[in-house]
Structures are given as C-alpha cells and as structure tokens.
Amino acid sequence: ESLEYREVDDGIATFTQKGGKTTKSYATSSAWGVYGLWRW
C-alpha cells in the first residue's frame, strides 16, 4: 500500500505516509520519484 510514485517538484518529491508523516526524496527536475516504506 505504501508504494507510490509522484512527480518531482523543484527537485523534491514529497510523500505522505498513513500516520501523516511526510518524507522527501530529492531528484532532478522533470523526474518521477518512487517511494515505499523503509522496510522494503
């Protein structure tokens, strides 16, 4: 359920987990980030 993808905005993709905690992934512009719980 935690696996998701999102477009990177200004070099940062922000993902929100179930409990409301946010995680940021850094990448180049016009990229897409894939996120999952750290347990992966």
Full PDB file with SEQRES, HELIX, SHEET, SSBOND, CRYST1, ORIGX, SCALE, CONECT and MASTER records, all heavy atoms in Angstrom:
SEQRES   1 A   40  GLU SER LEU GLU TYR ARG GLU VAL ASP ASP GLY ILE ALA          
SEQRES   2 A   40  THR PHE THR GLN LYS GLY GLY LYS THR THR LYS SER TYR          
SEQRES   3 A   40  ALA THR SER SER ALA TRP GLY VAL TYR GLY LEU TRP ARG          
SEQRES   4 A   40  TRP                                                          
SHEET    1 AA1 2 GLU A   4  GLU A   7  0                                        
SHEET    2 AA1 2 TRP A  32  TYR A  35 -1                                        
SHEET    1 AA2 2 ILE A  12  THR A  16  0                                        
SHEET    2 AA2 2 THR A  22  TYR A  26 -1                                        
CRYST1    1.000    1.000    1.000  90.00  90.00  90.00 P 1           1          
ORIGX1      1.000000  0.000000  0.000000        0.00000                         
ORIGX2      0.000000  1.000000  0.000000        0.00000                         
ORIGX3      0.000000  0.000000  1.000000        0.00000                         
SCALE1      1.000000  0.000000  0.000000        0.00000                         
SCALE2      0.000000  1.000000  0.000000        0.00000                         
SCALE3      0.000000  0.000000  1.000000        0.00000                         
ATOM      1  N   GLU A   1       0.824  -1.215   0.000  1.00  0.00           N  
ATOM      2  CA  GLU A   1       0.000   0.000   0.000  1.00  0.00           C  
ATOM      3  C   GLU A   1       0.854   1.261   0.000  1.00  0.00           C  
ATOM      4  O   GLU A   1       0.433   2.292  -0.525  1.00  0.00           O  
ATOM      5  CB  GLU A   1      -0.914   0.024   1.220  1.00  0.00           C  
ATOM      6  CG  GLU A   1      -2.050  -0.955   1.165  1.00  0.00           C  
ATOM      7  CD  GLU A   1      -2.889  -0.924   2.442  1.00  0.00           C  
ATOM      8  OE1 GLU A   1      -2.802   0.074   3.193  1.00  0.00           O  
ATOM      9  OE2 GLU A   1      -3.617  -1.888   2.669  1.00  0.00           O  
ATOM     10  N   SER A   2       2.038   1.190   0.597  1.00  0.00           N  
ATOM     11  CA  SER A   2       2.880   2.385   0.706  1.00  0.00           C  
ATOM     12  C   SER A   2       3.600   2.719  -0.600  1.00  0.00           C  
ATOM     13  O   SER A   2       4.089   3.832  -0.761  1.00  0.00           O  
ATOM     14  CB  SER A   2       3.918   2.214   1.813  1.00  0.00           C  
ATOM     15  OG  SER A   2       4.957   1.347   1.394  1.00  0.00           O  
ATOM     16  N   LEU A   3       3.692   1.773  -1.519  1.00  0.00           N  
ATOM     17  CA  LEU A   3       4.373   2.041  -2.786  1.00  0.00           C  
ATOM     18  C   LEU A   3       3.575   3.038  -3.610  1.00  0.00           C  
ATOM     19  O   LEU A   3       2.393   2.823  -3.879  1.00  0.00           O  
ATOM     20  CB  LEU A   3       4.568   0.747  -3.576  1.00  0.00           C  
ATOM     21  CG  LEU A   3       5.567  -0.246  -3.007  1.00  0.00           C  
ATOM     22  CD1 LEU A   3       5.490  -1.555  -3.767  1.00  0.00           C  
ATOM     23  CD2 LEU A   3       6.964   0.317  -3.033  1.00  0.00           C  
ATOM     24  N   GLU A   4       4.224   4.117  -3.982  1.00  0.00           N  
ATOM     25  CA  GLU A   4       3.564   5.133  -4.797  1.00  0.00           C  
ATOM     26  C   GLU A   4       4.601   5.887  -5.615  1.00  0.00           C  
ATOM     27  O   GLU A   4       5.799   5.797  -5.359  1.00  0.00           O  
ATOM     28  CB  GLU A   4       2.748   6.093  -3.937  1.00  0.00           C  
ATOM     29  CG  GLU A   4       3.556   6.860  -2.935  1.00  0.00           C  
ATOM     30  CD  GLU A   4       2.717   7.824  -2.115  1.00  0.00           C  
ATOM     31  OE1 GLU A   4       2.093   8.718  -2.714  1.00  0.00           O  
ATOM     32  OE2 GLU A   4       2.687   7.677  -0.890  1.00  0.00           O  
ATOM     33  N   TYR A   5       4.138   6.617  -6.597  1.00  0.00           N  
ATOM     34  CA  TYR A   5       5.021   7.420  -7.437  1.00  0.00           C  
ATOM     35  C   TYR A   5       4.454   8.820  -7.516  1.00  0.00           C  
ATOM     36  O   TYR A   5       3.256   9.034  -7.399  1.00  0.00           O  
ATOM     37  CB  TYR A   5       5.161   6.810  -8.838  1.00  0.00           C  
ATOM     38  CG  TYR A   5       3.869   6.781  -9.624  1.00  0.00           C  
ATOM     39  CD1 TYR A   5       3.588   7.765 -10.556  1.00  0.00           C  
ATOM     40  CD2 TYR A   5       2.929   5.785  -9.429  1.00  0.00           C  
ATOM     41  CE1 TYR A   5       2.414   7.751 -11.276  1.00  0.00           C  
ATOM     42  CE2 TYR A   5       1.752   5.758 -10.136  1.00  0.00           C  
ATOM     43  CZ  TYR A   5       1.498   6.744 -11.062  1.00  0.00           C  
ATOM     44  OH  TYR A   5       0.319   6.732 -11.765  1.00  0.00           O  
ATOM     45  N   ARG A   6       5.361   9.774  -7.664  1.00  0.00           N  
ATOM     46  CA  ARG A   6       4.937  11.168  -7.716  1.00  0.00           C  
ATOM     47  C   ARG A   6       5.960  11.974  -8.506  1.00  0.00           C  
ATOM     48  O   ARG A   6       7.141  11.674  -8.488  1.00  0.00           O  
ATOM     49  CB  ARG A   6       4.824  11.715  -6.293  1.00  0.00           C  
ATOM     50  CG  ARG A   6       4.295  13.123  -6.271  1.00  0.00           C  
ATOM     51  CD  ARG A   6       3.673  13.519  -4.984  1.00  0.00           C  
ATOM     52  NE  ARG A   6       2.611  12.588  -4.620  1.00  0.00           N  
ATOM     53  CZ  ARG A   6       2.410  12.161  -3.381  1.00  0.00           C  
ATOM     54  NH1 ARG A   6       3.176  12.567  -2.407  1.00  0.00           N  
ATOM     55  NH2 ARG A   6       1.429  11.348  -3.105  1.00  0.00           N  
ATOM     56  N   GLU A   7       5.470  13.010  -9.155  1.00  0.00           N  
ATOM     57  CA  GLU A   7       6.355  13.882  -9.919  1.00  0.00           C  
ATOM     58  C   GLU A   7       7.187  14.742  -8.969  1.00  0.00           C  
ATOM     59  O   GLU A   7       6.704  15.213  -7.950  1.00  0.00           O  
ATOM     60  CB  GLU A   7       5.536  14.791 -10.840  1.00  0.00           C  
ATOM     61  CG  GLU A   7       6.376  15.613 -11.771  1.00  0.00           C  
ATOM     62  CD  GLU A   7       5.548  16.383 -12.778  1.00  0.00           C  
ATOM     63  OE1 GLU A   7       4.327  16.487 -12.620  1.00  0.00           O  
ATOM     64  OE2 GLU A   7       6.149  16.897 -13.735  1.00  0.00           O  
ATOM     65  N   VAL A   8       8.450  14.917  -9.323  1.00  0.00           N  
ATOM     66  CA  VAL A   8       9.352  15.740  -8.526  1.00  0.00           C  
ATOM     67  C   VAL A   8       9.071  17.199  -8.847  1.00  0.00           C  
ATOM     68  O   VAL A   8       9.024  17.582 -10.009  1.00  0.00           O  
ATOM     69  CB  VAL A   8      10.818  15.380  -8.831  1.00  0.00           C  
ATOM     70  CG1 VAL A   8      11.762  16.323  -8.131  1.00  0.00           C  
ATOM     71  CG2 VAL A   8      11.089  13.948  -8.448  1.00  0.00           C  
ATOM     72  N   ASP A   9       8.870  18.010  -7.818  1.00  0.00           N  
ATOM     73  CA  ASP A   9       8.575  19.428  -7.995  1.00  0.00           C  
ATOM     74  C   ASP A   9       9.731  20.235  -7.409  1.00  0.00           C  
ATOM     75  O   ASP A   9      10.001  20.142  -6.212  1.00  0.00           O  
ATOM     76  CB  ASP A   9       7.260  19.777  -7.288  1.00  0.00           C  
ATOM     77  CG  ASP A   9       6.820  21.194  -7.561  1.00  0.00           C  
ATOM     78  OD1 ASP A   9       7.137  21.726  -8.629  1.00  0.00           O  
ATOM     79  OD2 ASP A   9       6.131  21.768  -6.682  1.00  0.00           O  
ATOM     80  N   ASP A  10      10.404  20.999  -8.234  1.00  0.00           N  
ATOM     81  CA  ASP A  10      11.565  21.796  -7.825  1.00  0.00           C  
ATOM     82  C   ASP A  10      12.633  20.945  -7.153  1.00  0.00           C  
ATOM     83  O   ASP A  10      13.232  21.342  -6.157  1.00  0.00           O  
ATOM     84  CB  ASP A  10      11.137  22.932  -6.884  1.00  0.00           C  
ATOM     85  CG  ASP A  10      10.311  23.977  -7.592  1.00  0.00           C  
ATOM     86  OD1 ASP A  10      10.505  24.149  -8.813  1.00  0.00           O  
ATOM     87  OD2 ASP A  10       9.479  24.619  -6.932  1.00  0.00           O  
ATOM     88  N   GLY A  11      12.834  19.723  -7.663  1.00  0.00           N  
ATOM     89  CA  GLY A  11      13.881  18.864  -7.137  1.00  0.00           C  
ATOM     90  C   GLY A  11      13.488  18.059  -5.917  1.00  0.00           C  
ATOM     91  O   GLY A  11      14.290  17.329  -5.366  1.00  0.00           O  
ATOM     92  N   ILE A  12      12.225  18.169  -5.461  1.00  0.00           N  
ATOM     93  CA  ILE A  12      11.795  17.463  -4.256  1.00  0.00           C  
ATOM     94  C   ILE A  12      10.450  16.786  -4.514  1.00  0.00           C  
ATOM     95  O   ILE A  12       9.505  17.407  -4.971  1.00  0.00           O  
ATOM     96  CB  ILE A  12      11.636  18.426  -3.059  1.00  0.00           C  
ATOM     97  CG1 ILE A  12      12.954  19.134  -2.771  1.00  0.00           C  
ATOM     98  CG2 ILE A  12      11.142  17.683  -1.829  1.00  0.00           C  
ATOM     99  CD1 ILE A  12      12.854  20.238  -1.756  1.00  0.00           C  
ATOM    100  N   ALA A  13      10.381  15.477  -4.218  1.00  0.00           N  
ATOM    101  CA  ALA A  13       9.109  14.752  -4.265  1.00  0.00           C  
ATOM    102  C   ALA A  13       8.713  14.480  -2.818  1.00  0.00           C  
ATOM    103  O   ALA A  13       9.485  13.912  -2.050  1.00  0.00           O  
ATOM    104  CB  ALA A  13       9.254  13.440  -5.022  1.00  0.00           C  
ATOM    105  N   THR A  14       7.524  14.892  -2.420  1.00  0.00           N  
ATOM    106  CA  THR A  14       7.065  14.733  -1.049  1.00  0.00           C  
ATOM    107  C   THR A  14       6.007  13.641  -0.992  1.00  0.00           C  
ATOM    108  O   THR A  14       5.017  13.688  -1.714  1.00  0.00           O  
ATOM    109  CB  THR A  14       6.482  16.055  -0.518  1.00  0.00           C  
ATOM    110  OG1 THR A  14       7.456  17.085  -0.686  1.00  0.00           O  
ATOM    111  CG2 THR A  14       6.115  15.944   0.943  1.00  0.00           C  
ATOM    112  N   PHE A  15       6.230  12.655  -0.118  1.00  0.00           N  
ATOM    113  CA  PHE A  15       5.303  11.543   0.058  1.00  0.00           C  
ATOM    114  C   PHE A  15       4.771  11.578   1.483  1.00  0.00           C  
ATOM    115  O   PHE A  15       5.515  11.788   2.429  1.00  0.00           O  
ATOM    116  CB  PHE A  15       6.008  10.202  -0.188  1.00  0.00           C  
ATOM    117  CG  PHE A  15       6.549  10.063  -1.576  1.00  0.00           C  
ATOM    118  CD1 PHE A  15       7.861  10.387  -1.875  1.00  0.00           C  
ATOM    119  CD2 PHE A  15       5.737   9.615  -2.605  1.00  0.00           C  
ATOM    120  CE1 PHE A  15       8.366  10.265  -3.155  1.00  0.00           C  
ATOM    121  CE2 PHE A  15       6.227   9.483  -3.889  1.00  0.00           C  
ATOM    122  CZ  PHE A  15       7.540   9.812  -4.163  1.00  0.00           C  
ATOM    123  N   THR A  16       3.468  11.358   1.641  1.00  0.00           N  
ATOM    124  CA  THR A  16       2.842  11.351   2.952  1.00  0.00           C  
ATOM    125  C   THR A  16       2.446   9.927   3.310  1.00  0.00           C  
ATOM    126  O   THR A  16       1.749   9.263   2.549  1.00  0.00           O  
ATOM    127  CB  THR A  16       1.598  12.258   2.973  1.00  0.00           C  
ATOM    128  OG1 THR A  16       1.986  13.560   2.525  1.00  0.00           O  
ATOM    129  CG2 THR A  16       1.021  12.351   4.370  1.00  0.00           C  
ATOM    130  N   GLN A  17       2.880   9.473   4.483  1.00  0.00           N  
ATOM    131  CA  GLN A  17       2.574   8.124   4.937  1.00  0.00           C  
ATOM    132  C   GLN A  17       1.222   8.111   5.637  1.00  0.00           C  
ATOM    133  O   GLN A  17       0.603   9.150   5.844  1.00  0.00           O  
ATOM    134  CB  GLN A  17       3.664   7.626   5.876  1.00  0.00           C  
ATOM    135  CG  GLN A  17       5.022   7.556   5.211  1.00  0.00           C  
ATOM    136  CD  GLN A  17       6.119   7.209   6.206  1.00  0.00           C  
ATOM    137  OE1 GLN A  17       5.857   6.900   7.351  1.00  0.00           O  
ATOM    138  NE2 GLN A  17       7.351   7.266   5.747  1.00  0.00           N  
ATOM    139  N   LYS A  18       0.782   6.907   6.053  1.00  0.00           N  
ATOM    140  CA  LYS A  18      -0.526   6.766   6.700  1.00  0.00           C  
ATOM    141  C   LYS A  18      -0.694   7.657   7.922  1.00  0.00           C  
ATOM    142  O   LYS A  18      -1.692   8.304   8.088  1.00  0.00           O  
ATOM    143  CB  LYS A  18      -0.736   5.312   7.132  1.00  0.00           C  
ATOM    144  CG  LYS A  18      -1.287   4.425   6.080  1.00  0.00           C  
ATOM    145  CD  LYS A  18      -1.588   3.076   6.700  1.00  0.00           C  
ATOM    146  CE  LYS A  18      -2.038   2.105   5.655  1.00  0.00           C  
ATOM    147  NZ  LYS A  18      -2.274   0.782   6.229  1.00  0.00           N  
ATOM    148  N   GLY A  19       0.306   7.688   8.795  1.00  0.00           N  
ATOM    149  CA  GLY A  19       0.205   8.457  10.032  1.00  0.00           C  
ATOM    150  C   GLY A  19       0.349   9.949   9.851  1.00  0.00           C  
ATOM    151  O   GLY A  19       0.317  10.701  10.811  1.00  0.00           O  
ATOM    152  N   GLY A  20       0.517  10.407   8.637  1.00  0.00           N  
ATOM    153  CA  GLY A  20       0.657  11.828   8.369  1.00  0.00           C  
ATOM    154  C   GLY A  20       2.101  12.290   8.270  1.00  0.00           C  
ATOM    155  O   GLY A  20       2.367  13.443   7.981  1.00  0.00           O  
ATOM    156  N   LYS A  21       3.049  11.388   8.507  1.00  0.00           N  
ATOM    157  CA  LYS A  21       4.464  11.733   8.409  1.00  0.00           C  
ATOM    158  C   LYS A  21       4.828  11.915   6.939  1.00  0.00           C  
ATOM    159  O   LYS A  21       4.421  11.135   6.090  1.00  0.00           O  
ATOM    160  CB  LYS A  21       5.315  10.623   9.022  1.00  0.00           C  
ATOM    161  CG  LYS A  21       6.791  10.920   8.985  1.00  0.00           C  
ATOM    162  CD  LYS A  21       7.607   9.764   9.534  1.00  0.00           C  
ATOM    163  CE  LYS A  21       9.076  10.066   9.326  1.00  0.00           C  
ATOM    164  NZ  LYS A  21       9.897   8.891   9.524  1.00  0.00           N  
ATOM    165  N   THR A  22       5.599  12.963   6.643  1.00  0.00           N  
ATOM    166  CA  THR A  22       5.997  13.217   5.265  1.00  0.00           C  
ATOM    167  C   THR A  22       7.473  12.860   5.071  1.00  0.00           C  
ATOM    168  O   THR A  22       8.284  13.021   5.975  1.00  0.00           O  
ATOM    169  CB  THR A  22       5.788  14.690   4.871  1.00  0.00           C  
ATOM    170  OG1 THR A  22       6.558  15.507   5.731  1.00  0.00           O  
ATOM    171  CG2 THR A  22       4.322  15.070   4.937  1.00  0.00           C  
ATOM    172  N   THR A  23       7.776  12.359   3.904  1.00  0.00           N  
ATOM    173  CA  THR A  23       9.134  12.016   3.518  1.00  0.00           C  
ATOM    174  C   THR A  23       9.439  12.731   2.219  1.00  0.00           C  
ATOM    175  O   THR A  23       8.595  12.776   1.328  1.00  0.00           O  
ATOM    176  CB  THR A  23       9.268  10.487   3.318  1.00  0.00           C  
ATOM    177  OG1 THR A  23       8.853   9.842   4.511  1.00  0.00           O  
ATOM    178  CG2 THR A  23      10.679  10.103   2.994  1.00  0.00           C  
ATOM    179  N   LYS A  24      10.648  13.256   2.108  1.00  0.00           N  
ATOM    180  CA  LYS A  24      11.036  13.971   0.897  1.00  0.00           C  
ATOM    181  C   LYS A  24      12.132  13.202   0.183  1.00  0.00           C  
ATOM    182  O   LYS A  24      13.067  12.721   0.802  1.00  0.00           O  
ATOM    183  CB  LYS A  24      11.515  15.378   1.227  1.00  0.00           C  
ATOM    184  CG  LYS A  24      10.416  16.253   1.786  1.00  0.00           C  
ATOM    185  CD  LYS A  24      10.890  17.641   2.057  1.00  0.00           C  
ATOM    186  CE  LYS A  24       9.730  18.461   2.605  1.00  0.00           C  
ATOM    187  NZ  LYS A  24      10.063  19.846   2.798  1.00  0.00           N  
ATOM    188  N   SER A  25      11.974  13.075  -1.146  1.00  0.00           N  
ATOM    189  CA  SER A  25      13.001  12.480  -1.993  1.00  0.00           C  
ATOM    190  C   SER A  25      13.516  13.569  -2.916  1.00  0.00           C  
ATOM    191  O   SER A  25      12.738  14.344  -3.465  1.00  0.00           O  
ATOM    192  CB  SER A  25      12.419  11.335  -2.819  1.00  0.00           C  
ATOM    193  OG  SER A  25      12.000  10.294  -1.988  1.00  0.00           O  
ATOM    194  N   TYR A  26      14.812  13.606  -3.097  1.00  0.00           N  
ATOM    195  CA  TYR A  26      15.428  14.638  -3.925  1.00  0.00           C  
ATOM    196  C   TYR A  26      15.858  14.031  -5.256  1.00  0.00           C  
ATOM    197  O   TYR A  26      16.414  12.949  -5.303  1.00  0.00           O  
ATOM    198  CB  TYR A  26      16.632  15.249  -3.207  1.00  0.00           C  
ATOM    199  CG  TYR A  26      16.248  15.889  -1.908  1.00  0.00           C  
ATOM    200  CD1 TYR A  26      16.302  15.181  -0.715  1.00  0.00           C  
ATOM    201  CD2 TYR A  26      15.774  17.193  -1.883  1.00  0.00           C  
ATOM    202  CE1 TYR A  26      15.917  15.767   0.473  1.00  0.00           C  
ATOM    203  CE2 TYR A  26      15.383  17.789  -0.699  1.00  0.00           C  
ATOM    204  CZ  TYR A  26      15.460  17.067   0.484  1.00  0.00           C  
ATOM    205  OH  TYR A  26      15.066  17.654   1.657  1.00  0.00           O  
ATOM    206  N   ALA A  27      15.565  14.731  -6.343  1.00  0.00           N  
ATOM    207  CA  ALA A  27      15.925  14.261  -7.681  1.00  0.00           C  
ATOM    208  C   ALA A  27      15.991  15.465  -8.612  1.00  0.00           C  
ATOM    209  O   ALA A  27      15.704  16.593  -8.219  1.00  0.00           O  
ATOM    210  CB  ALA A  27      14.896  13.258  -8.192  1.00  0.00           C  
ATOM    211  N   THR A  28      16.349  15.206  -9.843  1.00  0.00           N  
ATOM    212  CA  THR A  28      16.401  16.283 -10.823  1.00  0.00           C  
ATOM    213  C   THR A  28      14.979  16.673 -11.221  1.00  0.00           C  
ATOM    214  O   THR A  28      14.039  15.919 -10.999  1.00  0.00           O  
ATOM    215  CB  THR A  28      17.166  15.839 -12.078  1.00  0.00           C  
ATOM    216  OG1 THR A  28      16.504  14.697 -12.631  1.00  0.00           O  
ATOM    217  CG2 THR A  28      18.596  15.499 -11.744  1.00  0.00           C  
ATOM    218  N   SER A  29      14.833  17.825 -11.831  1.00  0.00           N  
ATOM    219  CA  SER A  29      13.513  18.251 -12.284  1.00  0.00           C  
ATOM    220  C   SER A  29      13.054  17.364 -13.431  1.00  0.00           C  
ATOM    221  O   SER A  29      13.848  16.695 -14.080  1.00  0.00           O  
ATOM    222  CB  SER A  29      13.542  19.710 -12.719  1.00  0.00           C  
ATOM    223  OG  SER A  29      14.441  19.847 -13.787  1.00  0.00           O  
ATOM    224  N   SER A  30      11.800  17.368 -13.699  1.00  0.00           N  
ATOM    225  CA  SER A  30      11.124  16.557 -14.711  1.00  0.00           C  
ATOM    226  C   SER A  30      11.415  15.072 -14.518  1.00  0.00           C  
ATOM    227  O   SER A  30      11.540  14.323 -15.456  1.00  0.00           O  
ATOM    228  CB  SER A  30      11.478  16.998 -16.136  1.00  0.00           C  
ATOM    229  OG  SER A  30      12.789  16.587 -16.477  1.00  0.00           O  
ATOM    230  N   ALA A  31      11.532  14.662 -13.253  1.00  0.00           N  
ATOM    231  CA  ALA A  31      11.710  13.257 -12.924  1.00  0.00           C  
ATOM    232  C   ALA A  31      10.522  12.806 -12.074  1.00  0.00           C  
ATOM    233  O   ALA A  31       9.732  13.620 -11.611  1.00  0.00           O  
ATOM    234  CB  ALA A  31      13.018  13.053 -12.157  1.00  0.00           C  
ATOM    235  N   TRP A  32      10.419  11.526 -11.886  1.00  0.00           N  
ATOM    236  CA  TRP A  32       9.379  10.956 -11.054  1.00  0.00           C  
ATOM    237  C   TRP A  32      10.043  10.136  -9.969  1.00  0.00           C  
ATOM    238  O   TRP A  32      10.987   9.413 -10.219  1.00  0.00           O  
ATOM    239  CB  TRP A  32       8.443  10.093 -11.897  1.00  0.00           C  
ATOM    240  CG  TRP A  32       7.548  10.925 -12.746  1.00  0.00           C  
ATOM    241  CD1 TRP A  32       7.882  11.612 -13.877  1.00  0.00           C  
ATOM    242  CD2 TRP A  32       6.188  11.213 -12.505  1.00  0.00           C  
ATOM    243  NE1 TRP A  32       6.809  12.299 -14.355  1.00  0.00           N  
ATOM    244  CE2 TRP A  32       5.749  12.066 -13.539  1.00  0.00           C  
ATOM    245  CE3 TRP A  32       5.288  10.835 -11.530  1.00  0.00           C  
ATOM    246  CZ2 TRP A  32       4.444  12.548 -13.605  1.00  0.00           C  
ATOM    247  CZ3 TRP A  32       3.996  11.306 -11.609  1.00  0.00           C  
ATOM    248  CH2 TRP A  32       3.579  12.157 -12.630  1.00  0.00           C  
ATOM    249  N   GLY A  33       9.542  10.249  -8.748  1.00  0.00           N  
ATOM    250  CA  GLY A  33      10.084   9.505  -7.623  1.00  0.00           C  
ATOM    251  C   GLY A  33       9.166   8.355  -7.260  1.00  0.00           C  
ATOM    252  O   GLY A  33       7.948   8.452  -7.360  1.00  0.00           O  
ATOM    253  N   VAL A  34       9.758   7.243  -6.830  1.00  0.00           N  
ATOM    254  CA  VAL A  34       9.011   6.082  -6.357  1.00  0.00           C  
ATOM    255  C   VAL A  34       9.363   5.915  -4.892  1.00  0.00           C  
ATOM    256  O   VAL A  34      10.537   5.978  -4.515  1.00  0.00           O  
ATOM    257  CB  VAL A  34       9.381   4.811  -7.154  1.00  0.00           C  
ATOM    258  CG1 VAL A  34       8.681   3.593  -6.585  1.00  0.00           C  
ATOM    259  CG2 VAL A  34       9.026   4.986  -8.618  1.00  0.00           C  
ATOM    260  N   TYR A  35       8.349   5.709  -4.065  1.00  0.00           N  
ATOM    261  CA  TYR A  35       8.560   5.640  -2.627  1.00  0.00           C  
ATOM    262  C   TYR A  35       7.846   4.425  -2.048  1.00  0.00           C  
ATOM    263  O   TYR A  35       6.788   4.024  -2.509  1.00  0.00           O  
ATOM    264  CB  TYR A  35       8.025   6.916  -1.954  1.00  0.00           C  
ATOM    265  CG  TYR A  35       8.077   6.848  -0.458  1.00  0.00           C  
ATOM    266  CD1 TYR A  35       9.260   7.083   0.217  1.00  0.00           C  
ATOM    267  CD2 TYR A  35       6.956   6.510   0.283  1.00  0.00           C  
ATOM    268  CE1 TYR A  35       9.323   6.999   1.591  1.00  0.00           C  
ATOM    269  CE2 TYR A  35       7.007   6.419   1.661  1.00  0.00           C  
ATOM    270  CZ  TYR A  35       8.194   6.663   2.306  1.00  0.00           C  
ATOM    271  OH  TYR A  35       8.249   6.569   3.661  1.00  0.00           O  
ATOM    272  N   GLY A  36       8.458   3.846  -1.018  1.00  0.00           N  
ATOM    273  CA  GLY A  36       7.843   2.776  -0.243  1.00  0.00           C  
ATOM    274  C   GLY A  36       8.373   2.860   1.176  1.00  0.00           C  
ATOM    275  O   GLY A  36       9.360   3.544   1.444  1.00  0.00           O  
ATOM    276  N   LEU A  37       7.743   2.166   2.096  1.00  0.00           N  
ATOM    277  CA  LEU A  37       8.218   2.152   3.475  1.00  0.00           C  
ATOM    278  C   LEU A  37       9.674   1.701   3.519  1.00  0.00           C  
ATOM    279  O   LEU A  37      10.120   0.902   2.693  1.00  0.00           O  
ATOM    280  CB  LEU A  37       7.366   1.194   4.319  1.00  0.00           C  
ATOM    281  CG  LEU A  37       5.935   1.639   4.610  1.00  0.00           C  
ATOM    282  CD1 LEU A  37       5.181   0.539   5.340  1.00  0.00           C  
ATOM    283  CD2 LEU A  37       5.928   2.903   5.439  1.00  0.00           C  
ATOM    284  N   TRP A  38      10.417   2.179   4.498  1.00  0.00           N  
ATOM    285  CA  TRP A  38      11.841   1.882   4.584  1.00  0.00           C  
ATOM    286  C   TRP A  38      12.106   0.387   4.716  1.00  0.00           C  
ATOM    287  O   TRP A  38      13.187  -0.085   4.396  1.00  0.00           O  
ATOM    288  CB  TRP A  38      12.465   2.633   5.759  1.00  0.00           C  
ATOM    289  CG  TRP A  38      11.912   2.217   7.089  1.00  0.00           C  
ATOM    290  CD1 TRP A  38      10.819   2.737   7.713  1.00  0.00           C  
ATOM    291  CD2 TRP A  38      12.399   1.182   7.928  1.00  0.00           C  
ATOM    292  NE1 TRP A  38      10.590   2.091   8.888  1.00  0.00           N  
ATOM    293  CE2 TRP A  38      11.553   1.112   9.047  1.00  0.00           C  
ATOM    294  CE3 TRP A  38      13.458   0.278   7.850  1.00  0.00           C  
ATOM    295  CZ2 TRP A  38      11.732   0.211  10.084  1.00  0.00           C  
ATOM    296  CZ3 TRP A  38      13.643  -0.621   8.872  1.00  0.00           C  
ATOM    297  CH2 TRP A  38      12.789  -0.659   9.982  1.00  0.00           C  
ATOM    298  N   ARG A  39      11.131  -0.389   5.145  1.00  0.00           N  
ATOM    299  CA  ARG A  39      11.314  -1.834   5.335  1.00  0.00           C  
ATOM    300  C   ARG A  39      11.531  -2.590   4.031  1.00  0.00           C  
ATOM    301  O   ARG A  39      11.907  -3.747   4.054  1.00  0.00           O  
ATOM    302  CB  ARG A  39      10.089  -2.434   6.033  1.00  0.00           C  
ATOM    303  CG  ARG A  39       9.926  -1.978   7.443  1.00  0.00           C  
ATOM    304  CD  ARG A  39       8.756  -2.654   8.127  1.00  0.00           C  
ATOM    305  NE  ARG A  39       7.495  -2.278   7.516  1.00  0.00           N  
ATOM    306  CZ  ARG A  39       6.616  -3.144   7.027  1.00  0.00           C  
ATOM    307  NH1 ARG A  39       6.832  -4.416   7.073  1.00  0.00           N  
ATOM    308  NH2 ARG A  39       5.495  -2.719   6.496  1.00  0.00           N  
ATOM    309  N   TRP A  40      11.301  -1.946   2.891  1.00  0.00           N  
ATOM    310  CA  TRP A  40      11.462  -2.661   1.626  1.00  0.00           C  
ATOM    311  C   TRP A  40      12.850  -3.261   1.516  1.00  0.00           C  
ATOM    312  O   TRP A  40      13.017  -4.356   0.986  1.00  0.00           O  
ATOM    313  CB  TRP A  40      11.175  -1.748   0.435  1.00  0.00           C  
ATOM    314  CG  TRP A  40      12.287  -0.787   0.115  1.00  0.00           C  
ATOM    315  CD1 TRP A  40      12.414   0.490   0.554  1.00  0.00           C  
ATOM    316  CD2 TRP A  40      13.431  -1.044  -0.697  1.00  0.00           C  
ATOM    317  NE1 TRP A  40      13.561   1.051   0.058  1.00  0.00           N  
ATOM    318  CE2 TRP A  40      14.219   0.125  -0.711  1.00  0.00           C  
ATOM    319  CE3 TRP A  40      13.878  -2.139  -1.416  1.00  0.00           C  
ATOM    320  CZ2 TRP A  40      15.402   0.228  -1.401  1.00  0.00           C  
ATOM    321  CZ3 TRP A  40      15.074  -2.038  -2.110  1.00  0.00           C  
ATOM    322  CH2 TRP A  40      15.821  -0.866  -2.095  1.00  0.00           C  
TER     323      TRP A  40                                                      
MASTER        0    0    0    0    4    0    0    6  322    1    0    4          
END                                                                             
